[in-house]
């Protein structure tokens, strides 16, 4: 069914009246006399008037020459195992030149999070190769563990390394990578990293570029998670989903909210941003009766490096911890520059220790945290009275802090879990714990 003429065009939204047989969340085709049809989604209905979000943007549309065709279905993604080793744009259209996916099934992208009664508590870990994460902020299978970063910090390099190094022993493993608002150089960096590491064939990429319409970013993570759910729950893969940058996603959400004349919340973001972010993050987990799992690493750049900003603040409430990158460590040339003190993995205690890593792991991690926390006090005291006037204990702490940062946090090559724990032992002179 097709309707001609628009009542209003507002930013990325079009409003049409005298419409019937439309349903909320249905996909429509927005047609113009020139150019291909654009994809839109009905985001509001009142009476015979519909508000439509045009994913490709409303630029170039005119009120009198635009028509809207109802499809009668929600936004769906064609799926098969052929999506592995493929690259798509932000609306899941192939951009690798290999043609359309031979689809065995299609699923709506607006899936619901796992019913809490059907969730399996996350246990066992994913090995990332980074000592700071594996030893102290362990990533647990089925967890959602965000990375809090800032402009100029190497979150892209860290994300690429995690994606190519992450493994689960003796299990089917795949990576779904979704980028929102990145430039072409960054996209090429990720593409080359996956290819050169030999991991491209186990990876699905969704790329929304900086010059793509911002409204497209609303759909990109949902396409990625739909692909992840298919691989995990239909083909028994353990899937690691990396979403970057969730700040670009939230800003697109704010833009749409502003176009709808909604009452703004903190810093202009919509009041429903918490539930919107939760609809993405809560799709991680382990489903009862399924062999696969979905683990999420959302990455966000904190505006003005403010961890209390609404985006990291709400993300921290929804997820199970955070990995915080630190500019001071980055300036020292440490990679990855993870500040372990404000970082946290809330599920770590249930996925390490005897039966998972080693029985000594929890004790080693606790001792490292405690010692490094004291390093901060010793450094503060040293800045006041000078290092030469410190006690022997405080001087030892300063030396420990240097070794911890340069030898444990800083690394060029991936380490096994045993290597990480052995290195931690040497920081204490090999003394028993």
Protein backbone atom coordinates (compact mmCIF):
# COMPACT_ATOMS: atom_id res chain seq x y z
CA UNK A 1 0.00 0.00 0.00
CA UNK A 2 1.46 3.36 -1.05
CA UNK A 3 0.68 6.90 0.11
CA UNK A 4 1.70 10.08 -1.69
CA UNK A 5 2.74 13.40 -0.23
CA UNK A 6 4.32 14.32 3.11
CA UNK A 7 2.90 16.60 5.76
CA UNK A 8 6.28 17.65 7.14
CA UNK A 9 10.02 16.96 6.84
CA UNK A 10 12.04 17.48 10.00
CA UNK A 11 15.74 16.59 10.05
CA UNK A 12 15.81 12.79 9.52
CA UNK A 13 12.07 12.45 10.18
CA UNK A 14 9.16 12.62 7.76
CA UNK A 15 5.57 12.98 8.87
CA UNK A 16 2.69 11.71 6.77
CA UNK A 17 -1.03 11.94 7.50
CA UNK A 18 -4.16 10.27 6.16
CA UNK A 19 -2.41 6.93 6.46
CA UNK A 20 -4.12 3.68 7.45
CA UNK A 21 -3.23 0.03 8.10
CA UNK A 22 0.17 1.12 9.45
CA UNK A 23 1.79 -0.41 12.53
CA UNK A 24 4.39 0.85 14.97
CA UNK A 25 7.94 -0.30 14.15
CA UNK A 26 7.02 -1.37 10.61
CA UNK A 27 9.47 -0.72 7.81
CA UNK A 28 8.47 1.52 4.92
CA UNK A 29 10.04 2.47 1.60
CA UNK A 30 10.37 6.21 1.07
CA UNK A 31 10.39 6.85 -2.70
CA UNK A 32 11.36 9.88 -4.75
CA UNK A 33 11.24 10.46 -8.53
CA UNK A 34 15.05 10.28 -8.60
CA UNK A 35 17.30 7.98 -6.64
CA UNK A 36 16.72 4.59 -5.05
CA UNK A 37 14.08 4.06 -2.34
CA UNK A 38 15.16 4.80 1.22
CA UNK A 39 14.42 2.64 4.23
CA UNK A 40 12.32 4.14 7.00
CA UNK A 41 10.80 2.89 10.25
CA UNK A 42 7.54 4.04 11.82
CA UNK A 43 8.52 5.34 15.25
CA UNK A 44 5.26 7.02 16.25
CA UNK A 45 1.57 6.72 15.34
CA UNK A 46 -1.26 8.95 16.44
CA UNK A 47 -4.60 8.76 14.68
CA UNK A 48 -3.99 8.65 10.94
CA UNK A 49 -0.58 10.37 11.24
CA UNK A 50 2.75 8.51 11.25
CA UNK A 51 6.24 9.73 12.13
CA UNK A 52 8.87 7.89 10.09
CA UNK A 53 12.60 7.75 10.81
CA UNK A 54 14.47 7.67 7.48
CA UNK A 55 17.72 5.77 8.08
CA UNK A 56 19.51 7.29 5.07
CA UNK A 57 18.38 10.80 6.10
CA UNK A 58 15.72 13.05 4.63
CA UNK A 59 18.02 15.30 2.61
CA UNK A 60 16.67 15.81 -0.92
CA UNK A 61 13.11 14.76 -0.09
CA UNK A 62 10.25 17.07 -0.98
CA UNK A 63 6.75 17.09 0.42
CA UNK A 64 4.87 16.85 -2.86
CA UNK A 65 7.04 14.35 -4.78
CA UNK A 66 7.71 11.76 -2.07
CA UNK A 67 5.66 8.65 -1.50
CA UNK A 68 5.65 6.10 1.30
CA UNK A 69 5.03 2.40 0.71
CA UNK A 70 4.10 0.20 3.67
CA UNK A 71 5.82 -3.20 3.79
CA UNK A 72 3.84 -4.63 6.71
CA UNK A 73 6.94 -6.09 8.39
CA UNK A 74 9.61 -5.01 10.88
CA UNK A 75 13.23 -4.47 9.89
CA UNK A 76 14.80 -7.88 9.33
CA UNK A 77 18.19 -9.33 8.51
CA UNK A 78 18.82 -12.32 6.20
CA UNK A 79 20.97 -14.87 8.00
CA UNK A 80 23.13 -17.90 7.35
CA UNK A 81 26.63 -18.99 8.36
CA UNK A 82 27.79 -17.24 5.19
CA UNK A 83 27.83 -13.96 7.12
CA UNK A 84 31.17 -15.05 8.64
CA UNK A 85 34.03 -13.42 6.79
CA UNK A 86 31.69 -10.76 5.37
CA UNK A 87 31.53 -6.99 5.62
CA UNK A 88 28.29 -4.99 5.71
CA UNK A 89 27.33 -1.34 6.03
CA UNK A 90 25.38 0.03 8.97
CA UNK A 91 22.10 -1.30 7.54
CA UNK A 92 23.50 -4.80 6.89
CA UNK A 93 23.86 -4.29 3.14
CA UNK A 94 26.94 -6.10 1.74
CA UNK A 95 29.83 -3.75 1.02
CA UNK A 96 32.56 -6.30 0.26
CA UNK A 97 31.50 -6.90 -3.34
CA UNK A 98 30.50 -10.51 -2.70
CA UNK A 99 26.79 -10.02 -3.29
CA UNK A 100 23.82 -10.76 -1.09
CA UNK A 101 23.90 -13.38 1.64
CA UNK A 102 22.29 -16.69 0.69
CA UNK A 103 19.68 -16.62 3.40
CA UNK A 104 18.24 -19.62 5.20
CA UNK A 105 16.21 -17.44 7.51
CA UNK A 106 15.46 -13.81 8.37
CA UNK A 107 15.02 -12.39 11.84
CA UNK A 108 13.77 -9.01 13.12
CA UNK A 109 16.59 -6.86 14.49
CA UNK A 110 14.47 -5.58 17.38
CA UNK A 111 14.83 -8.77 19.38
CA UNK A 112 14.04 -8.81 23.08
CA UNK A 113 16.69 -9.46 25.74
CA UNK A 114 16.88 -12.94 27.23
CA UNK A 115 14.11 -13.63 29.71
CA UNK A 116 15.77 -13.57 33.18
CA UNK A 117 14.27 -16.99 33.96
CA UNK A 118 16.02 -18.39 30.86
CA UNK A 119 19.44 -16.91 31.62
CA UNK A 120 22.37 -19.04 32.67
CA UNK A 121 24.72 -17.32 35.11
CA UNK A 122 27.98 -16.45 33.24
CA UNK A 123 30.97 -18.57 34.23
CA UNK A 124 34.33 -19.39 32.70
CA UNK A 125 36.50 -16.79 31.03
CA UNK A 126 37.51 -15.59 27.58
CA UNK A 127 41.26 -15.34 27.15
CA UNK A 128 42.21 -11.95 25.61
CA UNK A 129 46.01 -12.20 25.82
CA UNK A 130 46.26 -9.00 27.88
CA UNK A 131 47.55 -9.49 31.43
CA UNK A 132 45.68 -6.48 32.80
CA UNK A 133 42.38 -7.94 31.62
CA UNK A 134 43.01 -11.68 32.05
CA UNK A 135 44.66 -11.32 35.44
CA UNK A 136 42.76 -8.48 37.08
CA UNK A 137 39.58 -7.61 35.13
CA UNK A 138 38.81 -11.04 33.71
CA UNK A 139 36.31 -11.12 30.86
CA UNK A 140 33.70 -13.79 31.60
CA UNK A 141 31.82 -15.65 28.88
CA UNK A 142 28.34 -14.11 28.53
CA UNK A 143 29.34 -10.85 30.25
CA UNK A 144 28.97 -7.26 29.05
CA UNK A 145 32.17 -5.40 29.94
CA UNK A 146 32.58 -1.91 28.42
CA UNK A 147 35.79 0.00 27.72
CA UNK A 148 35.71 3.63 28.87
CA UNK A 149 38.13 5.65 26.77
CA UNK A 150 38.67 9.21 25.52
CA UNK A 151 39.75 10.95 22.34
CA UNK A 152 43.37 10.23 21.53
CA UNK A 153 43.60 7.02 23.55
CA UNK A 154 44.26 3.71 21.77
CA UNK A 155 40.85 2.09 22.24
CA UNK A 156 40.69 1.12 18.57
CA UNK A 157 44.04 -0.68 18.78
CA UNK A 158 42.95 -2.42 21.99
CA UNK A 159 39.61 -3.47 20.46
CA UNK A 160 41.34 -4.85 17.36
CA UNK A 161 43.85 -6.79 19.46
CA UNK A 162 41.14 -8.26 21.69
CA UNK A 163 39.10 -9.27 18.64
CA UNK A 164 42.06 -11.06 17.01
CA UNK A 165 43.59 -12.56 20.16
CA UNK A 166 40.48 -13.65 22.08
CA UNK A 167 40.00 -17.40 22.30
CA UNK A 168 37.95 -20.03 24.05
CA UNK A 169 39.65 -23.42 24.23
CA UNK A 170 38.05 -26.24 22.22
CA UNK A 171 34.96 -24.22 21.32
CA UNK A 172 33.52 -22.58 18.19
CA UNK A 173 34.37 -18.89 18.45
CA UNK A 174 33.34 -15.89 16.33
CA UNK A 175 33.64 -12.11 16.49
CA UNK A 176 30.93 -9.64 15.49
CA UNK A 177 32.37 -6.17 15.08
CA UNK A 178 30.09 -3.12 14.75
CA UNK A 179 31.49 0.38 14.24
CA UNK A 180 29.41 3.55 14.39
CA UNK A 181 30.60 6.91 13.09
CA UNK A 182 34.18 5.90 12.32
CA UNK A 183 36.32 7.43 9.58
CA UNK A 184 37.59 5.52 6.56
CA UNK A 185 41.15 5.27 7.90
CA UNK A 186 39.89 3.58 11.08
CA UNK A 187 37.71 1.20 9.07
CA UNK A 188 40.72 0.26 6.94
CA UNK A 189 42.78 -0.28 10.09
CA UNK A 190 40.27 -2.78 11.50
CA UNK A 191 39.84 -4.52 8.16
CA UNK A 192 43.60 -4.94 7.67
CA UNK A 193 44.10 -6.09 11.27
CA UNK A 194 41.51 -8.84 10.91
CA UNK A 195 42.94 -9.96 7.57
CA UNK A 196 46.62 -9.90 8.64
CA UNK A 197 45.87 -11.80 11.84
CA UNK A 198 44.11 -14.55 9.90
CA UNK A 199 40.90 -13.97 11.87
CA UNK A 200 38.83 -12.35 9.12
CA UNK A 201 37.01 -15.60 8.27
CA UNK A 202 35.59 -15.86 11.79
CA UNK A 203 34.54 -12.19 11.87
CA UNK A 204 31.40 -10.34 10.78
CA UNK A 205 31.86 -6.60 10.28
CA UNK A 206 29.20 -3.87 10.29
CA UNK A 207 30.59 -0.44 9.40
CA UNK A 208 28.65 2.80 9.75
CA UNK A 209 30.99 5.54 8.54
CA UNK A 210 31.29 9.11 9.80
CA UNK A 211 29.89 10.40 6.50
CA UNK A 212 26.91 8.05 6.64
CA UNK A 213 23.63 9.44 8.03
CA UNK A 214 23.75 9.50 11.86
CA UNK A 215 20.30 7.92 12.03
CA UNK A 216 21.72 4.77 10.47
CA UNK A 217 23.69 4.28 13.70
CA UNK A 218 20.50 3.46 15.57
CA UNK A 219 20.15 0.23 13.59
CA UNK A 220 23.81 -0.82 13.32
CA UNK A 221 24.30 -2.41 16.78
CA UNK A 222 20.94 -4.17 16.47
CA UNK A 223 21.93 -5.74 13.16
CA UNK A 224 25.20 -6.84 14.78
CA UNK A 225 23.45 -8.40 17.76
CA UNK A 226 20.93 -10.16 15.53
CA UNK A 227 23.86 -11.75 13.67
CA UNK A 228 25.47 -12.68 16.99
CA UNK A 229 22.27 -14.28 18.32
CA UNK A 230 21.91 -16.32 15.15
CA UNK A 231 25.50 -17.63 15.36
CA UNK A 232 25.25 -18.29 19.10
CA UNK A 233 21.81 -19.83 19.42
CA UNK A 234 21.45 -21.54 16.04
CA UNK A 235 25.03 -22.65 15.34
CA UNK A 236 26.47 -22.91 18.88
CA UNK A 237 29.19 -20.28 18.51
CA UNK A 238 30.61 -18.38 21.45
CA UNK A 239 30.40 -14.85 20.04
CA UNK A 240 32.35 -11.79 21.13
CA UNK A 241 30.53 -8.60 20.09
CA UNK A 242 32.56 -5.38 19.95
CA UNK A 243 30.55 -2.16 19.62
CA UNK A 244 32.40 1.10 18.96
CA UNK A 245 31.72 3.93 19.53
CA UNK A 246 28.61 3.94 21.73
CA UNK A 247 29.06 7.69 22.20
CA UNK A 248 28.34 8.16 18.48
CA UNK A 249 25.26 5.96 18.92
CA UNK A 250 23.98 7.99 21.88
CA UNK A 251 24.53 11.27 20.05
CA UNK A 252 22.48 9.97 17.11
CA UNK A 253 19.76 9.05 19.59
CA UNK A 254 19.86 12.61 20.95
CA UNK A 255 19.59 14.03 17.43
CA UNK A 256 16.47 11.99 16.72
CA UNK A 257 14.95 12.94 20.07
CA UNK A 258 15.57 16.61 19.35
CA UNK A 259 13.92 16.30 15.93
CA UNK A 260 10.86 14.81 17.65
CA UNK A 261 10.70 17.82 20.03
CA UNK A 262 10.97 15.54 23.06
CA UNK A 263 11.71 17.01 26.46
CA UNK A 264 15.49 16.59 26.94
CA UNK A 265 17.10 14.95 29.94
CA UNK A 266 20.66 15.32 31.23
CA UNK A 267 22.90 17.19 28.75
CA UNK A 268 20.14 17.06 26.14
CA UNK A 269 19.97 13.28 25.91
CA UNK A 270 16.49 11.71 25.93
CA UNK A 271 15.10 10.52 29.22
CA UNK A 272 14.68 7.00 27.82
CA UNK A 273 18.37 6.60 26.93
CA UNK A 274 18.84 4.19 29.87
CA UNK A 275 16.20 1.78 28.58
CA UNK A 276 17.42 2.22 25.00
CA UNK A 277 21.00 1.33 25.93
CA UNK A 278 19.71 -1.55 28.04
CA UNK A 279 17.86 -2.94 25.00
CA UNK A 280 21.32 -3.34 23.40
CA UNK A 281 23.49 -4.37 26.34
CA UNK A 282 21.03 -6.87 27.80
CA UNK A 283 21.17 -8.96 24.63
CA UNK A 284 24.45 -10.39 25.93
CA UNK A 285 24.33 -13.59 27.93
CA UNK A 286 23.86 -17.35 27.88
CA UNK A 287 20.44 -18.78 27.01
CA UNK A 288 19.23 -21.90 28.80
CA UNK A 289 19.25 -24.89 26.49
CA UNK A 290 21.71 -23.26 24.06
CA UNK A 291 25.38 -24.16 23.75
CA UNK A 292 26.53 -20.76 22.46
CA UNK A 293 26.95 -17.45 24.28
CA UNK A 294 27.16 -13.74 23.54
CA UNK A 295 29.78 -11.58 25.26
CA UNK A 296 29.78 -7.82 24.69
CA UNK A 297 32.58 -5.26 24.80
CA UNK A 298 30.97 -1.86 24.13
CA UNK A 299 33.53 0.92 23.67
CA UNK A 300 32.73 4.55 24.36
CA UNK A 301 34.76 7.76 24.38
CA UNK A 302 33.87 9.79 27.44
CA UNK A 303 33.08 13.41 26.50
CA UNK A 304 35.63 15.67 28.20
CA UNK A 305 36.96 12.48 29.88
CA UNK A 306 34.06 12.76 32.33
CA UNK A 307 33.15 9.35 33.72
CA UNK A 308 30.00 10.88 35.26
CA UNK A 309 28.70 11.94 31.83
CA UNK A 310 25.31 10.32 31.08
CA UNK A 311 26.70 7.90 28.48
CA UNK A 312 29.36 6.17 30.66
CA UNK A 313 27.22 6.69 33.76
CA UNK A 314 24.21 4.82 32.37
CA UNK A 315 26.43 2.24 30.68
CA UNK A 316 28.08 1.51 34.02
CA UNK A 317 24.70 0.93 35.65
CA UNK A 318 23.60 -1.57 33.01
CA UNK A 319 26.82 -3.51 32.46
CA UNK A 320 28.91 -5.68 34.77
CA UNK A 321 31.93 -3.49 35.29
CA UNK A 322 34.22 -1.41 33.11
CA UNK A 323 37.76 -1.22 31.72
CA UNK A 324 39.07 2.33 32.08
CA UNK A 325 41.85 3.66 29.84
CA UNK A 326 44.14 6.26 31.38
CA UNK A 327 45.84 9.19 29.63
CA UNK A 328 48.71 9.37 32.13
CA UNK A 329 49.64 5.74 31.43
CA UNK A 330 49.32 6.38 27.69
CA UNK A 331 51.78 9.28 27.97
CA UNK A 332 54.27 6.88 29.58
CA UNK A 333 54.09 4.74 26.43
CA UNK A 334 52.23 1.90 28.14
CA UNK A 335 49.93 -0.24 26.02
CA UNK A 336 47.26 -1.02 26.85
CA UNK A 337 46.97 1.99 29.19
CA UNK A 338 44.45 0.32 31.50
CA UNK A 339 44.03 1.91 34.91
CA UNK A 340 43.15 -1.16 36.95
CA UNK A 341 42.00 0.71 40.07
CA UNK A 342 38.75 2.21 38.68
CA UNK A 343 38.35 -0.83 36.41
CA UNK A 344 36.20 -3.74 37.52
CA UNK A 345 34.77 -7.04 36.35
CA UNK A 346 31.84 -7.85 38.63
CA UNK A 347 31.53 -11.43 37.36
CA UNK A 348 35.25 -12.20 37.62
CA UNK A 349 34.98 -14.01 40.95
CA UNK A 350 32.68 -16.65 39.46
CA UNK A 351 34.73 -17.36 36.35
CA UNK A 352 38.25 -17.77 37.70
CA UNK A 353 39.96 -19.94 40.29
CA UNK A 354 40.06 -23.70 40.54
CA UNK A 355 38.27 -25.36 37.64
CA UNK A 356 38.60 -22.29 35.42
CA UNK A 357 42.08 -20.71 35.68
CA UNK A 358 44.14 -21.67 38.75
CA UNK A 359 43.27 -21.81 42.42
CA UNK A 360 45.93 -19.12 43.10
CA UNK A 361 44.42 -16.60 40.65
CA UNK A 362 41.94 -14.86 43.03
CA UNK A 363 44.64 -14.37 45.66
CA UNK A 364 47.17 -13.04 43.15
CA UNK A 365 44.64 -10.56 41.75
CA UNK A 366 43.64 -9.32 45.22
CA UNK A 367 47.27 -8.82 46.23
CA UNK A 368 48.11 -6.92 43.04
CA UNK A 369 45.11 -4.62 43.48
CA UNK A 370 46.01 -3.92 47.11
CA UNK A 371 49.68 -3.22 46.37
CA UNK A 372 48.96 -0.96 43.40
CA UNK A 373 46.40 1.00 45.43
CA UNK A 374 49.16 1.74 47.97
CA UNK A 375 51.41 2.90 45.12
CA UNK A 376 49.06 5.82 44.54
CA UNK A 377 49.39 6.92 48.18
CA UNK A 378 53.19 6.64 48.01
CA UNK A 379 53.32 8.70 44.80
CA UNK A 380 51.12 11.40 46.34
CA UNK A 381 53.39 11.56 49.39
CA UNK A 382 56.49 11.65 47.19
CA UNK A 383 55.15 14.65 45.27
CA UNK A 384 54.90 16.54 48.59
CA UNK A 385 58.08 15.61 50.51
CA UNK A 386 60.30 14.17 47.78
CA UNK A 387 61.30 10.58 47.15
CA UNK A 388 64.50 10.79 49.22
CA UNK A 389 62.51 11.41 52.41
CA UNK A 390 60.16 8.46 51.94
CA UNK A 391 60.28 5.41 54.16
CA UNK A 392 61.81 2.23 52.79
CA UNK A 393 58.34 0.73 52.40
CA UNK A 394 57.14 3.69 50.33
CA UNK A 395 60.26 3.58 48.14
CA UNK A 396 59.63 -0.12 47.58
CA UNK A 397 56.07 0.70 46.60
CA UNK A 398 57.27 3.25 44.05
CA UNK A 399 59.58 0.63 42.56
CA UNK A 400 56.76 -1.90 42.51
CA UNK A 401 54.51 0.60 40.72
CA UNK A 402 57.08 1.14 37.97
CA UNK A 403 57.58 -2.60 37.49
CA UNK A 404 53.83 -3.24 37.52
CA UNK A 405 53.19 -0.65 34.82
CA UNK A 406 56.21 -1.36 32.61
CA UNK A 407 56.31 -5.15 32.91
CA UNK A 408 52.76 -6.28 33.73
CA UNK A 409 50.45 -3.72 32.11
CA UNK A 410 52.71 -2.93 29.16
CA UNK A 411 53.01 -5.66 26.55
CA UNK A 412 53.64 -6.06 22.85
CA UNK A 413 52.73 -9.73 22.48
CA UNK A 414 49.83 -11.76 23.92
CA UNK A 415 50.44 -13.80 27.06
CA UNK A 416 48.83 -17.01 28.20
CA UNK A 417 47.00 -17.06 31.51
CA UNK A 418 49.85 -19.03 33.08
CA UNK A 419 52.38 -16.47 31.84
CA UNK A 420 50.27 -13.65 33.27
CA UNK A 421 50.01 -15.25 36.71
CA UNK A 422 53.70 -16.22 36.75
CA UNK A 423 54.67 -12.64 35.87
CA UNK A 424 52.48 -11.37 38.70
CA UNK A 425 54.34 -13.64 41.10
CA UNK A 426 57.70 -12.24 40.03
CA UNK A 427 56.57 -8.71 40.87
CA UNK A 428 56.56 -9.80 44.50
CA UNK A 429 59.95 -11.49 44.19
CA UNK A 430 58.36 -14.91 43.78
CA UNK A 431 57.13 -14.93 47.39
CA UNK A 432 54.30 -17.39 48.07
CA UNK A 433 50.80 -15.95 48.39
